[in-house]
Amino acid sequence: MKINKTHSIDNKNPIENHQTAAWADIEKVQPESRVPIPSQEAVDRAKDWVEENEK
């Protein structure tokens, strides 16, 4: 059985780049983990959306 090397589990390249996403209002990125931190305005909009759509 031939193993397909292009779909390896050890692939280190990310599949998606969330930093360039249209919805990403990124203020900064954590240095070690590279986790995007949203701006305060984006957090406030998300909080308002959740509160308006509660059941």
PDB file of N, CA and C in Angstrom:
ATOM      1  N   MET A   1       0.841  -1.175   0.000  1.00  0.00           N
ATOM      2  CA  MET A   1       0.000   0.000   0.000  1.00  0.00           C
ATOM      3  C   MET A   1       0.891   1.245   0.000  1.00  0.00           C
ATOM      4  N   LYS A   2       0.641   2.141  -0.914  1.00  0.00           N
ATOM      5  CA  LYS A   2       1.429   3.350  -1.032  1.00  0.00           C
ATOM      6  C   LYS A   2       0.861   4.437  -0.111  1.00  0.00           C
ATOM      7  N   ILE A   3       1.730   5.113   0.635  1.00  0.00           N
ATOM      8  CA  ILE A   3       1.308   6.174   1.548  1.00  0.00           C
ATOM      9  C   ILE A   3       1.417   7.520   0.834  1.00  0.00           C
ATOM     10  N   ASN A   4       0.363   8.295   0.908  1.00  0.00           N
ATOM     11  CA  ASN A   4       0.346   9.610   0.285  1.00  0.00           C
ATOM     12  C   ASN A   4       1.049  10.599   1.206  1.00  0.00           C
ATOM     13  N   LYS A   5       2.210  11.087   0.811  1.00  0.00           N
ATOM     14  CA  LYS A   5       3.013  11.978   1.645  1.00  0.00           C
ATOM     15  C   LYS A   5       2.443  13.397   1.721  1.00  0.00           C
ATOM     16  N   THR A   6       1.596  13.794   0.797  1.00  0.00           N
ATOM     17  CA  THR A   6       1.076  15.157   0.825  1.00  0.00           C
ATOM     18  C   THR A   6       0.033  15.354   1.922  1.00  0.00           C
ATOM     19  N   HIS A   7      -0.539  14.286   2.435  1.00  0.00           N
ATOM     20  CA  HIS A   7      -1.538  14.383   3.490  1.00  0.00           C
ATOM     21  C   HIS A   7      -1.005  13.765   4.777  1.00  0.00           C
ATOM     22  N   SER A   8       0.246  14.025   5.060  1.00  0.00           N
ATOM     23  CA  SER A   8       0.906  13.459   6.222  1.00  0.00           C
ATOM     24  C   SER A   8       0.410  14.127   7.503  1.00  0.00           C
ATOM     25  N   ILE A   9       0.379  13.380   8.572  1.00  0.00           N
ATOM     26  CA  ILE A   9      -0.006  13.916   9.877  1.00  0.00           C
ATOM     27  C   ILE A   9       1.043  14.897  10.374  1.00  0.00           C
ATOM     28  N   ASP A  10       2.269  14.745   9.940  1.00  0.00           N
ATOM     29  CA  ASP A  10       3.364  15.593  10.398  1.00  0.00           C
ATOM     30  C   ASP A  10       3.459  16.916   9.645  1.00  0.00           C
ATOM     31  N   ASN A  11       2.462  17.246   8.864  1.00  0.00           N
ATOM     32  CA  ASN A  11       2.473  18.485   8.087  1.00  0.00           C
ATOM     33  C   ASN A  11       2.459  19.670   9.037  1.00  0.00           C
ATOM     34  N   LYS A  12       3.476  20.516   8.988  1.00  0.00           N
ATOM     35  CA  LYS A  12       3.616  21.649   9.905  1.00  0.00           C
ATOM     36  C   LYS A  12       2.994  22.941   9.368  1.00  0.00           C
ATOM     37  N   ASN A  13       2.598  22.979   8.120  1.00  0.00           N
ATOM     38  CA  ASN A  13       2.022  24.191   7.547  1.00  0.00           C
ATOM     39  C   ASN A  13       0.559  24.330   7.947  1.00  0.00           C
ATOM     40  N   PRO A  14       0.145  25.521   8.395  1.00  0.00           N
ATOM     41  CA  PRO A  14      -1.260  25.699   8.754  1.00  0.00           C
ATOM     42  C   PRO A  14      -2.153  25.632   7.522  1.00  0.00           C
ATOM     43  N   ILE A  15      -3.351  25.133   7.708  1.00  0.00           N
ATOM     44  CA  ILE A  15      -4.305  25.018   6.616  1.00  0.00           C
ATOM     45  C   ILE A  15      -4.991  26.353   6.375  1.00  0.00           C
ATOM     46  N   GLU A  16      -5.308  27.054   7.455  1.00  0.00           N
ATOM     47  CA  GLU A  16      -6.006  28.330   7.360  1.00  0.00           C
ATOM     48  C   GLU A  16      -5.167  29.433   7.983  1.00  0.00           C
ATOM     49  N   ASN A  17      -5.327  30.635   7.487  1.00  0.00           N
ATOM     50  CA  ASN A  17      -4.647  31.786   8.058  1.00  0.00           C
ATOM     51  C   ASN A  17      -5.715  32.750   8.567  1.00  0.00           C
ATOM     52  N   HIS A  18      -5.977  32.722   9.862  1.00  0.00           N
ATOM     53  CA  HIS A  18      -7.035  33.541  10.439  1.00  0.00           C
ATOM     54  C   HIS A  18      -6.644  35.006  10.577  1.00  0.00           C
ATOM     55  N   GLN A  19      -5.371  35.315  10.466  1.00  0.00           N
ATOM     56  CA  GLN A  19      -4.941  36.705  10.589  1.00  0.00           C
ATOM     57  C   GLN A  19      -5.377  37.546   9.401  1.00  0.00           C
ATOM     58  N   THR A  20      -5.609  36.925   8.274  1.00  0.00           N
ATOM     59  CA  THR A  20      -6.014  37.678   7.097  1.00  0.00           C
ATOM     60  C   THR A  20      -7.502  37.521   6.792  1.00  0.00           C
ATOM     61  N   ALA A  21      -8.231  36.891   7.693  1.00  0.00           N
ATOM     62  CA  ALA A  21      -9.660  36.692   7.489  1.00  0.00           C
ATOM     63  C   ALA A  21     -10.397  38.022   7.558  1.00  0.00           C
ATOM     64  N   ALA A  22     -11.476  38.119   6.831  1.00  0.00           N
ATOM     65  CA  ALA A  22     -12.235  39.366   6.782  1.00  0.00           C
ATOM     66  C   ALA A  22     -12.825  39.731   8.140  1.00  0.00           C
ATOM     67  N   TRP A  23     -13.167  38.749   8.958  1.00  0.00           N
ATOM     68  CA  TRP A  23     -13.772  39.004  10.257  1.00  0.00           C
ATOM     69  C   TRP A  23     -12.747  39.213  11.359  1.00  0.00           C
ATOM     70  N   ALA A  24     -11.485  39.058  11.053  1.00  0.00           N
ATOM     71  CA  ALA A  24     -10.443  39.126  12.081  1.00  0.00           C
ATOM     72  C   ALA A  24     -10.040  40.571  12.331  1.00  0.00           C
ATOM     73  N   ASP A  25     -10.521  41.130  13.416  1.00  0.00           N
ATOM     74  CA  ASP A  25     -10.120  42.479  13.836  1.00  0.00           C
ATOM     75  C   ASP A  25      -9.066  42.298  14.918  1.00  0.00           C
ATOM     76  N   ILE A  26      -7.870  41.896  14.495  1.00  0.00           N
ATOM     77  CA  ILE A  26      -6.817  41.503  15.414  1.00  0.00           C
ATOM     78  C   ILE A  26      -6.033  42.726  15.872  1.00  0.00           C
ATOM     79  N   GLU A  27      -5.938  42.855  17.189  1.00  0.00           N
ATOM     80  CA  GLU A  27      -5.167  43.948  17.765  1.00  0.00           C
ATOM     81  C   GLU A  27      -3.707  43.550  17.941  1.00  0.00           C
ATOM     82  N   LYS A  28      -3.492  42.328  18.448  1.00  0.00           N
ATOM     83  CA  LYS A  28      -2.140  41.819  18.622  1.00  0.00           C
ATOM     84  C   LYS A  28      -2.173  40.298  18.579  1.00  0.00           C
ATOM     85  N   VAL A  29      -0.990  39.702  18.574  1.00  0.00           N
ATOM     86  CA  VAL A  29      -0.853  38.244  18.526  1.00  0.00           C
ATOM     87  C   VAL A  29       0.064  37.831  19.665  1.00  0.00           C
ATOM     88  N   GLN A  30      -0.326  36.779  20.395  1.00  0.00           N
ATOM     89  CA  GLN A  30       0.528  36.267  21.462  1.00  0.00           C
ATOM     90  C   GLN A  30       1.837  35.796  20.836  1.00  0.00           C
ATOM     91  N   PRO A  31       2.972  36.162  21.415  1.00  0.00           N
ATOM     92  CA  PRO A  31       4.252  35.856  20.768  1.00  0.00           C
ATOM     93  C   PRO A  31       4.564  34.368  20.641  1.00  0.00           C
ATOM     94  N   GLU A  32       4.356  33.598  21.683  1.00  0.00           N
ATOM     95  CA  GLU A  32       4.769  32.198  21.632  1.00  0.00           C
ATOM     96  C   GLU A  32       3.733  31.303  20.954  1.00  0.00           C
ATOM     97  N   SER A  33       2.457  31.495  21.297  1.00  0.00           N
ATOM     98  CA  SER A  33       1.414  30.618  20.765  1.00  0.00           C
ATOM     99  C   SER A  33       0.809  31.131  19.460  1.00  0.00           C
ATOM    100  N   ARG A  34       1.066  32.383  19.121  1.00  0.00           N
ATOM    101  CA  ARG A  34       0.535  33.043  17.919  1.00  0.00           C
ATOM    102  C   ARG A  34      -1.000  33.054  17.902  1.00  0.00           C
ATOM    103  N   VAL A  35      -1.597  33.188  19.093  1.00  0.00           N
ATOM    104  CA  VAL A  35      -3.047  33.276  19.217  1.00  0.00           C
ATOM    105  C   VAL A  35      -3.448  34.735  18.993  1.00  0.00           C
ATOM    106  N   PRO A  36      -4.356  34.993  18.056  1.00  0.00           N
ATOM    107  CA  PRO A  36      -4.763  36.373  17.807  1.00  0.00           C
ATOM    108  C   PRO A  36      -5.656  36.903  18.935  1.00  0.00           C
ATOM    109  N   ILE A  37      -5.388  38.135  19.360  1.00  0.00           N
ATOM    110  CA  ILE A  37      -6.170  38.807  20.390  1.00  0.00           C
ATOM    111  C   ILE A  37      -7.001  39.890  19.684  1.00  0.00           C
ATOM    112  N   PRO A  38      -8.340  39.831  19.795  1.00  0.00           N
ATOM    113  CA  PRO A  38      -9.176  40.822  19.107  1.00  0.00           C
ATOM    114  C   PRO A  38      -9.112  42.181  19.788  1.00  0.00           C
ATOM    115  N   SER A  39      -9.497  43.202  19.058  1.00  0.00           N
ATOM    116  CA  SER A  39      -9.555  44.540  19.628  1.00  0.00           C
ATOM    117  C   SER A  39     -10.737  44.627  20.588  1.00  0.00           C
ATOM    118  N   GLN A  40     -10.736  45.639  21.442  1.00  0.00           N
ATOM    119  CA  GLN A  40     -11.827  45.808  22.406  1.00  0.00           C
ATOM    120  C   GLN A  40     -13.147  46.057  21.682  1.00  0.00           C
ATOM    121  N   GLU A  41     -13.110  46.753  20.569  1.00  0.00           N
ATOM    122  CA  GLU A  41     -14.329  47.009  19.789  1.00  0.00           C
ATOM    123  C   GLU A  41     -14.938  45.695  19.277  1.00  0.00           C
ATOM    124  N   ALA A  42     -14.095  44.789  18.821  1.00  0.00           N
ATOM    125  CA  ALA A  42     -14.588  43.501  18.335  1.00  0.00           C
ATOM    126  C   ALA A  42     -15.189  42.679  19.470  1.00  0.00           C
ATOM    127  N   VAL A  43     -14.582  42.748  20.648  1.00  0.00           N
ATOM    128  CA  VAL A  43     -15.111  42.034  21.808  1.00  0.00           C
ATOM    129  C   VAL A  43     -16.464  42.609  22.203  1.00  0.00           C
ATOM    130  N   ASP A  44     -16.583  43.931  22.199  1.00  0.00           N
ATOM    131  CA  ASP A  44     -17.852  44.577  22.550  1.00  0.00           C
ATOM    132  C   ASP A  44     -18.957  44.224  21.555  1.00  0.00           C
ATOM    133  N   ARG A  45     -18.628  44.206  20.256  1.00  0.00           N
ATOM    134  CA  ARG A  45     -19.627  43.830  19.245  1.00  0.00           C
ATOM    135  C   ARG A  45     -20.074  42.393  19.420  1.00  0.00           C
ATOM    136  N   ALA A  46     -19.134  41.493  19.721  1.00  0.00           N
ATOM    137  CA  ALA A  46     -19.477  40.087  19.924  1.00  0.00           C
ATOM    138  C   ALA A  46     -20.363  39.923  21.159  1.00  0.00           C
ATOM    139  N   LYS A  47     -20.041  40.654  22.220  1.00  0.00           N
ATOM    140  CA  LYS A  47     -20.846  40.590  23.447  1.00  0.00           C
ATOM    141  C   LYS A  47     -22.258  41.095  23.186  1.00  0.00           C
ATOM    142  N   ASP A  48     -22.375  42.203  22.478  1.00  0.00           N
ATOM    143  CA  ASP A  48     -23.699  42.751  22.136  1.00  0.00           C
ATOM    144  C   ASP A  48     -24.491  41.768  21.288  1.00  0.00           C
ATOM    145  N   TRP A  49     -23.837  41.136  20.322  1.00  0.00           N
ATOM    146  CA  TRP A  49     -24.518  40.171  19.460  1.00  0.00           C
ATOM    147  C   TRP A  49     -25.062  39.000  20.268  1.00  0.00           C
ATOM    148  N   VAL A  50     -24.241  38.500  21.191  1.00  0.00           N
ATOM    149  CA  VAL A  50     -24.660  37.367  22.020  1.00  0.00           C
ATOM    150  C   VAL A  50     -25.852  37.760  22.888  1.00  0.00           C
ATOM    151  N   GLU A  51     -25.787  38.941  23.490  1.00  0.00           N
ATOM    152  CA  GLU A  51     -26.874  39.387  24.362  1.00  0.00           C
ATOM    153  C   GLU A  51     -28.179  39.598  23.580  1.00  0.00           C
ATOM    154  N   GLU A  52     -28.089  40.084  22.356  1.00  0.00           N
ATOM    155  CA  GLU A  52     -29.280  40.309  21.544  1.00  0.00           C
ATOM    156  C   GLU A  52     -29.902  39.002  21.055  1.00  0.00           C
ATOM    157  N   ASN A  53     -29.086  37.970  20.927  1.00  0.00           N
ATOM    158  CA  ASN A  53     -29.570  36.701  20.364  1.00  0.00           C
ATOM    159  C   ASN A  53     -29.769  35.607  21.393  1.00  0.00           C
ATOM    160  N   GLU A  54     -29.831  35.981  22.655  1.00  0.00           N
ATOM    161  CA  GLU A  54     -30.126  34.987  23.701  1.00  0.00           C
ATOM    162  C   GLU A  54     -31.582  34.580  23.598  1.00  0.00           C
ATOM    163  N   LYS A  55     -31.869  33.373  23.957  1.00  0.00           N
ATOM    164  CA  LYS A  55     -33.251  32.898  23.917  1.00  0.00           C
ATOM    165  C   LYS A  55     -33.866  32.933  25.287  1.00  0.00           C
TER     166      LYS A  55
END
